[in-house]
Amino acid sequence: MQDTLRECRPDDERCLDFLYWFALIYFISFVVMAQYVLVNLVVAVIMQALEDSEEEELKAEQDAEQDRGQQAPPPVEESSSSSSSSTDTDPE
């Protein structure tokens, strides 16, 4: 870059005047494009991590629902209804 940015001497026939501006535009555009790519890369990594965490959370919720569904329901106590019918005898 240093050779490109040097000023041309009046007696130098091989030196082109536009190289200074071309080099300046080239390096500025290179830096801007590189930053754009790196920012997109960082955003993509963050979005992928969020998506993975959402999938894990959804899977954990589904597993918890399946575990609850596989457990046997608690037994229904019918002793209160059967005891009331046995004690309802009419003394008459």
PDB file of N, CA and C in Angstrom:
ATOM      1  N   MET A   1       0.825  -1.177   0.000  1.00  0.00           N
ATOM      2  CA  MET A   1       0.000   0.000   0.000  1.00  0.00           C
ATOM      3  C   MET A   1       0.880   1.256   0.000  1.00  0.00           C
ATOM      4  N   GLN A   2       2.002   1.178   0.616  1.00  0.00           N
ATOM      5  CA  GLN A   2       2.875   2.347   0.705  1.00  0.00           C
ATOM      6  C   GLN A   2       3.374   2.752  -0.682  1.00  0.00           C
ATOM      7  N   ASP A   3       3.667   1.777  -1.531  1.00  0.00           N
ATOM      8  CA  ASP A   3       4.127   2.104  -2.880  1.00  0.00           C
ATOM      9  C   ASP A   3       3.010   2.755  -3.689  1.00  0.00           C
ATOM     10  N   THR A   4       1.823   2.342  -3.467  1.00  0.00           N
ATOM     11  CA  THR A   4       0.702   2.887  -4.223  1.00  0.00           C
ATOM     12  C   THR A   4       0.371   4.302  -3.784  1.00  0.00           C
ATOM     13  N   LEU A   5       0.561   4.589  -2.504  1.00  0.00           N
ATOM     14  CA  LEU A   5       0.199   5.894  -1.986  1.00  0.00           C
ATOM     15  C   LEU A   5       1.295   6.943  -2.126  1.00  0.00           C
ATOM     16  N   ARG A   6       2.435   6.556  -2.654  1.00  0.00           N
ATOM     17  CA  ARG A   6       3.508   7.546  -2.812  1.00  0.00           C
ATOM     18  C   ARG A   6       3.155   8.506  -3.944  1.00  0.00           C
ATOM     19  N   GLU A   7       3.636   9.680  -3.823  1.00  0.00           N
ATOM     20  CA  GLU A   7       3.366  10.677  -4.861  1.00  0.00           C
ATOM     21  C   GLU A   7       4.304  10.467  -6.045  1.00  0.00           C
ATOM     22  N   CYS A   8       3.775  10.762  -7.188  1.00  0.00           N
ATOM     23  CA  CYS A   8       4.575  10.602  -8.402  1.00  0.00           C
ATOM     24  C   CYS A   8       5.559  11.762  -8.556  1.00  0.00           C
ATOM     25  N   ARG A   9       6.747  11.408  -8.997  1.00  0.00           N
ATOM     26  CA  ARG A   9       7.737  12.439  -9.305  1.00  0.00           C
ATOM     27  C   ARG A   9       7.514  12.910 -10.746  1.00  0.00           C
ATOM     28  N   PRO A  10       7.820  14.114 -11.005  1.00  0.00           N
ATOM     29  CA  PRO A  10       7.573  14.630 -12.372  1.00  0.00           C
ATOM     30  C   PRO A  10       8.338  13.882 -13.457  1.00  0.00           C
ATOM     31  N   ASP A  11       9.502  13.347 -13.150  1.00  0.00           N
ATOM     32  CA  ASP A  11      10.302  12.670 -14.172  1.00  0.00           C
ATOM     33  C   ASP A  11      10.008  11.175 -14.277  1.00  0.00           C
ATOM     34  N   ASP A  12       9.107  10.649 -13.439  1.00  0.00           N
ATOM     35  CA  ASP A  12       8.788   9.213 -13.449  1.00  0.00           C
ATOM     36  C   ASP A  12       7.678   8.947 -14.462  1.00  0.00           C
ATOM     37  N   GLU A  13       8.004   8.198 -15.511  1.00  0.00           N
ATOM     38  CA  GLU A  13       7.028   7.907 -16.558  1.00  0.00           C
ATOM     39  C   GLU A  13       6.120   6.730 -16.201  1.00  0.00           C
ATOM     40  N   ARG A  14       6.590   5.848 -15.319  1.00  0.00           N
ATOM     41  CA  ARG A  14       5.808   4.653 -14.979  1.00  0.00           C
ATOM     42  C   ARG A  14       4.765   4.925 -13.897  1.00  0.00           C
ATOM     43  N   CYS A  15       4.812   6.026 -13.248  1.00  0.00           N
ATOM     44  CA  CYS A  15       3.885   6.353 -12.167  1.00  0.00           C
ATOM     45  C   CYS A  15       2.584   6.896 -12.750  1.00  0.00           C
ATOM     46  N   LEU A  16       1.499   6.341 -12.316  1.00  0.00           N
ATOM     47  CA  LEU A  16       0.194   6.778 -12.777  1.00  0.00           C
ATOM     48  C   LEU A  16      -0.475   7.601 -11.674  1.00  0.00           C
ATOM     49  N   ASP A  17      -1.048   8.730 -12.043  1.00  0.00           N
ATOM     50  CA  ASP A  17      -1.629   9.644 -11.061  1.00  0.00           C
ATOM     51  C   ASP A  17      -2.880   9.087 -10.377  1.00  0.00           C
ATOM     52  N   PHE A  18      -3.616   8.257 -11.065  1.00  0.00           N
ATOM     53  CA  PHE A  18      -4.867   7.768 -10.488  1.00  0.00           C
ATOM     54  C   PHE A  18      -4.668   6.647  -9.465  1.00  0.00           C
ATOM     55  N   LEU A  19      -3.467   6.102  -9.339  1.00  0.00           N
ATOM     56  CA  LEU A  19      -3.235   5.005  -8.405  1.00  0.00           C
ATOM     57  C   LEU A  19      -3.491   5.417  -6.955  1.00  0.00           C
ATOM     58  N   TYR A  20      -3.222   6.650  -6.611  1.00  0.00           N
ATOM     59  CA  TYR A  20      -3.449   7.123  -5.255  1.00  0.00           C
ATOM     60  C   TYR A  20      -4.939   7.014  -4.906  1.00  0.00           C
ATOM     61  N   TRP A  21      -5.784   7.500  -5.783  1.00  0.00           N
ATOM     62  CA  TRP A  21      -7.227   7.453  -5.519  1.00  0.00           C
ATOM     63  C   TRP A  21      -7.771   6.034  -5.624  1.00  0.00           C
ATOM     64  N   PHE A  22      -7.248   5.284  -6.558  1.00  0.00           N
ATOM     65  CA  PHE A  22      -7.690   3.900  -6.691  1.00  0.00           C
ATOM     66  C   PHE A  22      -7.355   3.098  -5.433  1.00  0.00           C
ATOM     67  N   ALA A  23      -6.165   3.257  -4.915  1.00  0.00           N
ATOM     68  CA  ALA A  23      -5.756   2.541  -3.698  1.00  0.00           C
ATOM     69  C   ALA A  23      -6.605   2.967  -2.502  1.00  0.00           C
ATOM     70  N   LEU A  24      -6.867   4.242  -2.398  1.00  0.00           N
ATOM     71  CA  LEU A  24      -7.674   4.747  -1.293  1.00  0.00           C
ATOM     72  C   LEU A  24      -9.093   4.175  -1.342  1.00  0.00           C
ATOM     73  N   ILE A  25      -9.712   4.205  -2.494  1.00  0.00           N
ATOM     74  CA  ILE A  25     -11.064   3.659  -2.645  1.00  0.00           C
ATOM     75  C   ILE A  25     -11.067   2.158  -2.417  1.00  0.00           C
ATOM     76  N   TYR A  26     -10.063   1.472  -2.944  1.00  0.00           N
ATOM     77  CA  TYR A  26      -9.985   0.023  -2.789  1.00  0.00           C
ATOM     78  C   TYR A  26      -9.887  -0.374  -1.314  1.00  0.00           C
ATOM     79  N   PHE A  27      -8.998   0.218  -0.568  1.00  0.00           N
ATOM     80  CA  PHE A  27      -8.804  -0.183   0.825  1.00  0.00           C
ATOM     81  C   PHE A  27      -9.975   0.213   1.717  1.00  0.00           C
ATOM     82  N   ILE A  28     -10.586   1.363   1.446  1.00  0.00           N
ATOM     83  CA  ILE A  28     -11.768   1.744   2.228  1.00  0.00           C
ATOM     84  C   ILE A  28     -12.912   0.775   1.947  1.00  0.00           C
ATOM     85  N   SER A  29     -13.137   0.436   0.683  1.00  0.00           N
ATOM     86  CA  SER A  29     -14.207  -0.510   0.362  1.00  0.00           C
ATOM     87  C   SER A  29     -13.896  -1.901   0.920  1.00  0.00           C
ATOM     88  N   PHE A  30     -12.635  -2.296   0.916  1.00  0.00           N
ATOM     89  CA  PHE A  30     -12.251  -3.594   1.475  1.00  0.00           C
ATOM     90  C   PHE A  30     -12.563  -3.657   2.970  1.00  0.00           C
ATOM     91  N   VAL A  31     -12.223  -2.604   3.698  1.00  0.00           N
ATOM     92  CA  VAL A  31     -12.473  -2.576   5.140  1.00  0.00           C
ATOM     93  C   VAL A  31     -13.970  -2.598   5.428  1.00  0.00           C
ATOM     94  N   VAL A  32     -14.740  -1.824   4.683  1.00  0.00           N
ATOM     95  CA  VAL A  32     -16.192  -1.779   4.895  1.00  0.00           C
ATOM     96  C   VAL A  32     -16.809  -3.141   4.597  1.00  0.00           C
ATOM     97  N   MET A  33     -16.422  -3.761   3.505  1.00  0.00           N
ATOM     98  CA  MET A  33     -16.968  -5.085   3.151  1.00  0.00           C
ATOM     99  C   MET A  33     -16.568  -6.141   4.179  1.00  0.00           C
ATOM    100  N   ALA A  34     -15.346  -6.115   4.641  1.00  0.00           N
ATOM    101  CA  ALA A  34     -14.901  -7.080   5.641  1.00  0.00           C
ATOM    102  C   ALA A  34     -15.688  -6.914   6.938  1.00  0.00           C
ATOM    103  N   GLN A  35     -15.934  -5.673   7.350  1.00  0.00           N
ATOM    104  CA  GLN A  35     -16.728  -5.441   8.559  1.00  0.00           C
ATOM    105  C   GLN A  35     -18.159  -5.923   8.360  1.00  0.00           C
ATOM    106  N   TYR A  36     -18.717  -5.716   7.188  1.00  0.00           N
ATOM    107  CA  TYR A  36     -20.071  -6.175   6.881  1.00  0.00           C
ATOM    108  C   TYR A  36     -20.164  -7.700   6.996  1.00  0.00           C
ATOM    109  N   VAL A  37     -19.196  -8.381   6.434  1.00  0.00           N
ATOM    110  CA  VAL A  37     -19.184  -9.846   6.497  1.00  0.00           C
ATOM    111  C   VAL A  37     -19.045 -10.321   7.942  1.00  0.00           C
ATOM    112  N   LEU A  38     -18.159  -9.711   8.700  1.00  0.00           N
ATOM    113  CA  LEU A  38     -17.963 -10.133  10.089  1.00  0.00           C
ATOM    114  C   LEU A  38     -19.189  -9.855  10.950  1.00  0.00           C
ATOM    115  N   VAL A  39     -19.856  -8.729  10.742  1.00  0.00           N
ATOM    116  CA  VAL A  39     -21.081  -8.434  11.494  1.00  0.00           C
ATOM    117  C   VAL A  39     -22.159  -9.446  11.142  1.00  0.00           C
ATOM    118  N   ASN A  40     -22.296  -9.786   9.874  1.00  0.00           N
ATOM    119  CA  ASN A  40     -23.278 -10.802   9.476  1.00  0.00           C
ATOM    120  C   ASN A  40     -22.948 -12.153  10.084  1.00  0.00           C
ATOM    121  N   LEU A  41     -21.693 -12.477  10.177  1.00  0.00           N
ATOM    122  CA  LEU A  41     -21.280 -13.736  10.785  1.00  0.00           C
ATOM    123  C   LEU A  41     -21.658 -13.775  12.268  1.00  0.00           C
ATOM    124  N   VAL A  42     -21.412 -12.691  12.975  1.00  0.00           N
ATOM    125  CA  VAL A  42     -21.752 -12.619  14.398  1.00  0.00           C
ATOM    126  C   VAL A  42     -23.264 -12.722  14.589  1.00  0.00           C
ATOM    127  N   VAL A  43     -24.019 -12.021  13.774  1.00  0.00           N
ATOM    128  CA  VAL A  43     -25.481 -12.075  13.868  1.00  0.00           C
ATOM    129  C   VAL A  43     -25.978 -13.486  13.569  1.00  0.00           C
ATOM    130  N   ALA A  44     -25.408 -14.146  12.591  1.00  0.00           N
ATOM    131  CA  ALA A  44     -25.814 -15.514  12.253  1.00  0.00           C
ATOM    132  C   ALA A  44     -25.532 -16.476  13.407  1.00  0.00           C
ATOM    133  N   VAL A  45     -24.401 -16.327  14.061  1.00  0.00           N
ATOM    134  CA  VAL A  45     -24.064 -17.196  15.197  1.00  0.00           C
ATOM    135  C   VAL A  45     -25.037 -16.961  16.347  1.00  0.00           C
ATOM    136  N   ILE A  46     -25.364 -15.709  16.622  1.00  0.00           N
ATOM    137  CA  ILE A  46     -26.309 -15.402  17.704  1.00  0.00           C
ATOM    138  C   ILE A  46     -27.691 -15.959  17.382  1.00  0.00           C
ATOM    139  N   MET A  47     -28.136 -15.787  16.150  1.00  0.00           N
ATOM    140  CA  MET A  47     -29.459 -16.312  15.761  1.00  0.00           C
ATOM    141  C   MET A  47     -29.490 -17.830  15.845  1.00  0.00           C
ATOM    142  N   GLN A  48     -28.424 -18.495  15.451  1.00  0.00           N
ATOM    143  CA  GLN A  48     -28.360 -19.952  15.528  1.00  0.00           C
ATOM    144  C   GLN A  48     -28.401 -20.417  16.970  1.00  0.00           C
ATOM    145  N   ALA A  49     -27.714 -19.722  17.857  1.00  0.00           N
ATOM    146  CA  ALA A  49     -27.733 -20.087  19.276  1.00  0.00           C
ATOM    147  C   ALA A  49     -29.128 -19.909  19.865  1.00  0.00           C
ATOM    148  N   LEU A  50     -29.817 -18.841  19.504  1.00  0.00           N
ATOM    149  CA  LEU A  50     -31.188 -18.638  19.981  1.00  0.00           C
ATOM    150  C   LEU A  50     -32.125 -19.714  19.455  1.00  0.00           C
ATOM    151  N   GLU A  51     -31.975 -20.072  18.207  1.00  0.00           N
ATOM    152  CA  GLU A  51     -32.814 -21.111  17.613  1.00  0.00           C
ATOM    153  C   GLU A  51     -32.566 -22.454  18.295  1.00  0.00           C
ATOM    154  N   ASP A  52     -31.304 -22.774  18.556  1.00  0.00           N
ATOM    155  CA  ASP A  52     -30.985 -24.031  19.236  1.00  0.00           C
ATOM    156  C   ASP A  52     -31.561 -24.065  20.648  1.00  0.00           C
ATOM    157  N   SER A  53     -31.495 -22.948  21.361  1.00  0.00           N
ATOM    158  CA  SER A  53     -32.035 -22.923  22.726  1.00  0.00           C
ATOM    159  C   SER A  53     -33.548 -23.066  22.713  1.00  0.00           C
ATOM    160  N   GLU A  54     -34.226 -22.480  21.730  1.00  0.00           N
ATOM    161  CA  GLU A  54     -35.678 -22.633  21.623  1.00  0.00           C
ATOM    162  C   GLU A  54     -36.050 -24.081  21.334  1.00  0.00           C
ATOM    163  N   GLU A  55     -35.285 -24.737  20.454  1.00  0.00           N
ATOM    164  CA  GLU A  55     -35.552 -26.137  20.147  1.00  0.00           C
ATOM    165  C   GLU A  55     -35.347 -27.019  21.380  1.00  0.00           C
ATOM    166  N   GLU A  56     -34.294 -26.757  22.149  1.00  0.00           N
ATOM    167  CA  GLU A  56     -34.049 -27.534  23.358  1.00  0.00           C
ATOM    168  C   GLU A  56     -35.158 -27.325  24.386  1.00  0.00           C
ATOM    169  N   GLU A  57     -35.626 -26.099  24.513  1.00  0.00           N
ATOM    170  CA  GLU A  57     -36.700 -25.800  25.459  1.00  0.00           C
ATOM    171  C   GLU A  57     -37.988 -26.498  25.042  1.00  0.00           C
ATOM    172  N   LEU A  58     -38.301 -26.476  23.757  1.00  0.00           N
ATOM    173  CA  LEU A  58     -39.497 -27.147  23.257  1.00  0.00           C
ATOM    174  C   LEU A  58     -39.401 -28.649  23.469  1.00  0.00           C
ATOM    175  N   LYS A  59     -38.228 -29.213  23.222  1.00  0.00           N
ATOM    176  CA  LYS A  59     -38.036 -30.649  23.412  1.00  0.00           C
ATOM    177  C   LYS A  59     -38.173 -31.015  24.890  1.00  0.00           C
ATOM    178  N   ALA A  60     -37.645 -30.184  25.777  1.00  0.00           N
ATOM    179  CA  ALA A  60     -37.759 -30.443  27.211  1.00  0.00           C
ATOM    180  C   ALA A  60     -39.217 -30.386  27.653  1.00  0.00           C
ATOM    181  N   GLU A  61     -39.988 -29.449  27.120  1.00  0.00           N
ATOM    182  CA  GLU A  61     -41.407 -29.365  27.451  1.00  0.00           C
ATOM    183  C   GLU A  61     -42.151 -30.593  26.948  1.00  0.00           C
ATOM    184  N   GLN A  62     -41.836 -31.046  25.746  1.00  0.00           N
ATOM    185  CA  GLN A  62     -42.488 -32.237  25.193  1.00  0.00           C
ATOM    186  C   GLN A  62     -42.137 -33.472  26.014  1.00  0.00           C
ATOM    187  N   ASP A  63     -40.883 -33.589  26.430  1.00  0.00           N
ATOM    188  CA  ASP A  63     -40.474 -34.722  27.258  1.00  0.00           C
ATOM    189  C   ASP A  63     -41.190 -34.696  28.599  1.00  0.00           C
ATOM    190  N   ALA A  64     -41.353 -33.515  29.178  1.00  0.00           N
ATOM    191  CA  ALA A  64     -42.045 -33.395  30.461  1.00  0.00           C
ATOM    192  C   ALA A  64     -43.512 -33.779  30.311  1.00  0.00           C
ATOM    193  N   GLU A  65     -44.145 -33.407  29.211  1.00  0.00           N
ATOM    194  CA  GLU A  65     -45.542 -33.771  28.976  1.00  0.00           C
ATOM    195  C   GLU A  65     -45.670 -35.272  28.782  1.00  0.00           C
ATOM    196  N   GLN A  66     -44.724 -35.879  28.083  1.00  0.00           N
ATOM    197  CA  GLN A  66     -44.757 -37.326  27.879  1.00  0.00           C
ATOM    198  C   GLN A  66     -44.570 -38.059  29.205  1.00  0.00           C
ATOM    199  N   ASP A  67     -43.682 -37.561  30.052  1.00  0.00           N
ATOM    200  CA  ASP A  67     -43.460 -38.185  31.351  1.00  0.00           C
ATOM    201  C   ASP A  67     -44.718 -38.108  32.204  1.00  0.00           C
ATOM    202  N   ARG A  68     -45.403 -36.983  32.165  1.00  0.00           N
ATOM    203  CA  ARG A  68     -46.651 -36.846  32.915  1.00  0.00           C
ATOM    204  C   ARG A  68     -47.730 -37.757  32.358  1.00  0.00           C
ATOM    205  N   GLY A  69     -47.752 -37.943  31.061  1.00  0.00           N
ATOM    206  CA  GLY A  69     -48.754 -38.794  30.428  1.00  0.00           C
ATOM    207  C   GLY A  69     -48.507 -40.272  30.691  1.00  0.00           C
ATOM    208  N   GLN A  70     -47.274 -40.690  30.878  1.00  0.00           N
ATOM    209  CA  GLN A  70     -46.943 -42.089  31.107  1.00  0.00           C
ATOM    210  C   GLN A  70     -47.156 -42.503  32.548  1.00  0.00           C
ATOM    211  N   GLN A  71     -47.164 -41.575  33.469  1.00  0.00           N
ATOM    212  CA  GLN A  71     -47.385 -41.920  34.869  1.00  0.00           C
ATOM    213  C   GLN A  71     -48.837 -42.329  35.052  1.00  0.00           C
ATOM    214  N   ALA A  72     -49.039 -43.333  35.893  1.00  0.00           N
ATOM    215  CA  ALA A  72     -50.399 -43.805  36.157  1.00  0.00           C
ATOM    216  C   ALA A  72     -51.135 -42.756  36.967  1.00  0.00           C
ATOM    217  N   PRO A  73     -52.404 -42.531  36.643  1.00  0.00           N
ATOM    218  CA  PRO A  73     -53.157 -41.562  37.423  1.00  0.00           C
ATOM    219  C   PRO A  73     -53.369 -42.082  38.837  1.00  0.00           C
ATOM    220  N   PRO A  74     -53.493 -41.214  39.801  1.00  0.00           N
ATOM    221  CA  PRO A  74     -53.685 -41.682  41.177  1.00  0.00           C
ATOM    222  C   PRO A  74     -55.006 -42.443  41.288  1.00  0.00           C
ATOM    223  N   PRO A  75     -55.017 -43.483  42.113  1.00  0.00           N
ATOM    224  CA  PRO A  75     -56.254 -44.292  42.230  1.00  0.00           C
ATOM    225  C   PRO A  75     -57.381 -43.452  42.814  1.00  0.00           C
ATOM    226  N   VAL A  76     -58.573 -43.693  42.302  1.00  0.00           N
ATOM    227  CA  VAL A  76     -59.749 -42.975  42.769  1.00  0.00           C
ATOM    228  C   VAL A  76     -60.268 -43.687  44.011  1.00  0.00           C
ATOM    229  N   GLU A  77     -60.443 -42.945  45.077  1.00  0.00           N
ATOM    230  CA  GLU A  77     -60.919 -43.536  46.321  1.00  0.00           C
ATOM    231  C   GLU A  77     -62.439 -43.563  46.314  1.00  0.00           C
ATOM    232  N   GLU A  78     -62.985 -44.742  46.355  1.00  0.00           N
ATOM    233  CA  GLU A  78     -64.431 -44.899  46.384  1.00  0.00           C
ATOM    234  C   GLU A  78     -64.898 -45.296  47.776  1.00  0.00           C
ATOM    235  N   SER A  79     -64.005 -45.285  48.723  1.00  0.00           N
ATOM    236  CA  SER A  79     -64.362 -45.708  50.081  1.00  0.00           C
ATOM    237  C   SER A  79     -65.374 -44.763  50.715  1.00  0.00           C
ATOM    238  N   SER A  80     -65.339 -43.494  50.383  1.00  0.00           N
ATOM    239  CA  SER A  80     -66.281 -42.550  50.970  1.00  0.00           C
ATOM    240  C   SER A  80     -67.699 -42.811  50.472  1.00  0.00           C
ATOM    241  N   SER A  81     -67.855 -43.191  49.223  1.00  0.00           N
ATOM    242  CA  SER A  81     -69.198 -43.464  48.709  1.00  0.00           C
ATOM    243  C   SER A  81     -69.703 -44.816  49.178  1.00  0.00           C
ATOM    244  N   SER A  82     -68.837 -45.807  49.301  1.00  0.00           N
ATOM    245  CA  SER A  82     -69.273 -47.130  49.749  1.00  0.00           C
ATOM    246  C   SER A  82     -69.553 -47.129  51.244  1.00  0.00           C
ATOM    247  N   SER A  83     -68.832 -46.352  52.022  1.00  0.00           N
ATOM    248  CA  SER A  83     -69.065 -46.317  53.457  1.00  0.00           C
ATOM    249  C   SER A  83     -70.368 -45.596  53.772  1.00  0.00           C
ATOM    250  N   SER A  84     -70.727 -44.629  52.976  1.00  0.00           N
ATOM    251  CA  SER A  84     -71.974 -43.922  53.231  1.00  0.00           C
ATOM    252  C   SER A  84     -73.166 -44.796  52.886  1.00  0.00           C
ATOM    253  N   SER A  85     -73.043 -45.679  51.913  1.00  0.00           N
ATOM    254  CA  SER A  85     -74.163 -46.536  51.553  1.00  0.00           C
ATOM    255  C   SER A  85     -74.335 -47.648  52.577  1.00  0.00           C
ATOM    256  N   SER A  86     -73.289 -48.081  53.205  1.00  0.00           N
ATOM    257  CA  SER A  86     -73.408 -49.145  54.218  1.00  0.00           C
ATOM    258  C   SER A  86     -73.939 -48.597  55.530  1.00  0.00           C
ATOM    259  N   THR A  87     -73.765 -47.339  55.791  1.00  0.00           N
ATOM    260  CA  THR A  87     -74.241 -46.765  57.042  1.00  0.00           C
ATOM    261  C   THR A  87     -75.643 -46.199  56.922  1.00  0.00           C
ATOM    262  N   ASP A  88     -76.184 -46.204  55.732  1.00  0.00           N
ATOM    263  CA  ASP A  88     -77.518 -45.674  55.522  1.00  0.00           C
ATOM    264  C   ASP A  88     -78.581 -46.780  55.690  1.00  0.00           C
ATOM    265  N   THR A  89     -78.507 -47.496  56.698  1.00  0.00           N
ATOM    266  CA  THR A  89     -79.532 -48.529  56.938  1.00  0.00           C
ATOM    267  C   THR A  89     -80.673 -47.920  57.730  1.00  0.00           C
ATOM    268  N   ASP A  90     -81.833 -48.295  57.363  1.00  0.00           N
ATOM    269  CA  ASP A  90     -83.048 -47.764  58.005  1.00  0.00           C
ATOM    270  C   ASP A  90     -83.413 -48.647  59.198  1.00  0.00           C
ATOM    271  N   PRO A  91     -83.460 -48.085  60.392  1.00  0.00           N
ATOM    272  CA  PRO A  91     -83.780 -48.923  61.551  1.00  0.00           C
ATOM    273  C   PRO A  91     -85.248 -49.343  61.564  1.00  0.00           C
ATOM    274  N   GLU A  92     -86.089 -48.802  60.817  1.00  0.00           N
ATOM    275  CA  GLU A  92     -87.502 -49.149  60.852  1.00  0.00           C
ATOM    276  C   GLU A  92     -87.772 -50.422  60.215  1.00  0.00           C
TER     277      GLU A  92
END
